[in-house]
Amino acid sequence: MRPFESVVAEHGATVLRVCRAVAGPDHADDAWSETFLAALRAYPDLPDGANVQAWLVTIARRKAIDTHRSRGRTVPIDPLPEQPSPHGRPGGWERDLWEAIALLPPKQQAAVVHHHIAGLPHAEVAAVLGGSPAAARRAAADGIAALRRRYLEATP
């Protein structure tokens, strides 16, 4: 079994992309940390030959959903005054993309995140989500089509 730190180094960026897509950029770091804490606890029991990337992406998606749900339980406070960013990150096009992905139906969102963001083949997406590879391909294609429609509507 490989050292866990090499697993983090190899798959950390992919897990972060999944967390950003599902939980949004503001909560992605928390979801990423929760993912690897849960993975560290379960790693010794992972069977030899298991697909580590698919396993981590599945954990990341669930932790990001938990993070998203916990936002609904937070107590609202007065909004912070907005400050301009010299880097153009807050409110940039990336935020629009993450918000658009979050609005997709759950199956399309999961298929887009697992295939287009995490890079899993459709067969592995089907194994993670349940269903056939053709259904996973269709859900990912429908999700991308919905994102394109949303951006075409928003473009003047």
Foldseek 3Di string as FASTA:
>chain_A
DDPLVVVCVVQVQLLLLLLCLAQNPVCSVVLSVVLSVVCVVCVVVDDPPDDSLLVSSLSSNVSSVVNNVVVVVDDDDPDDDDDDDPVQPVPHVSRVNSVLLNPDPVLLSLLLSVCVRNPDQLQSSCVSVPDHSVVSVVSPVVSVVSVVVVVVVVPD
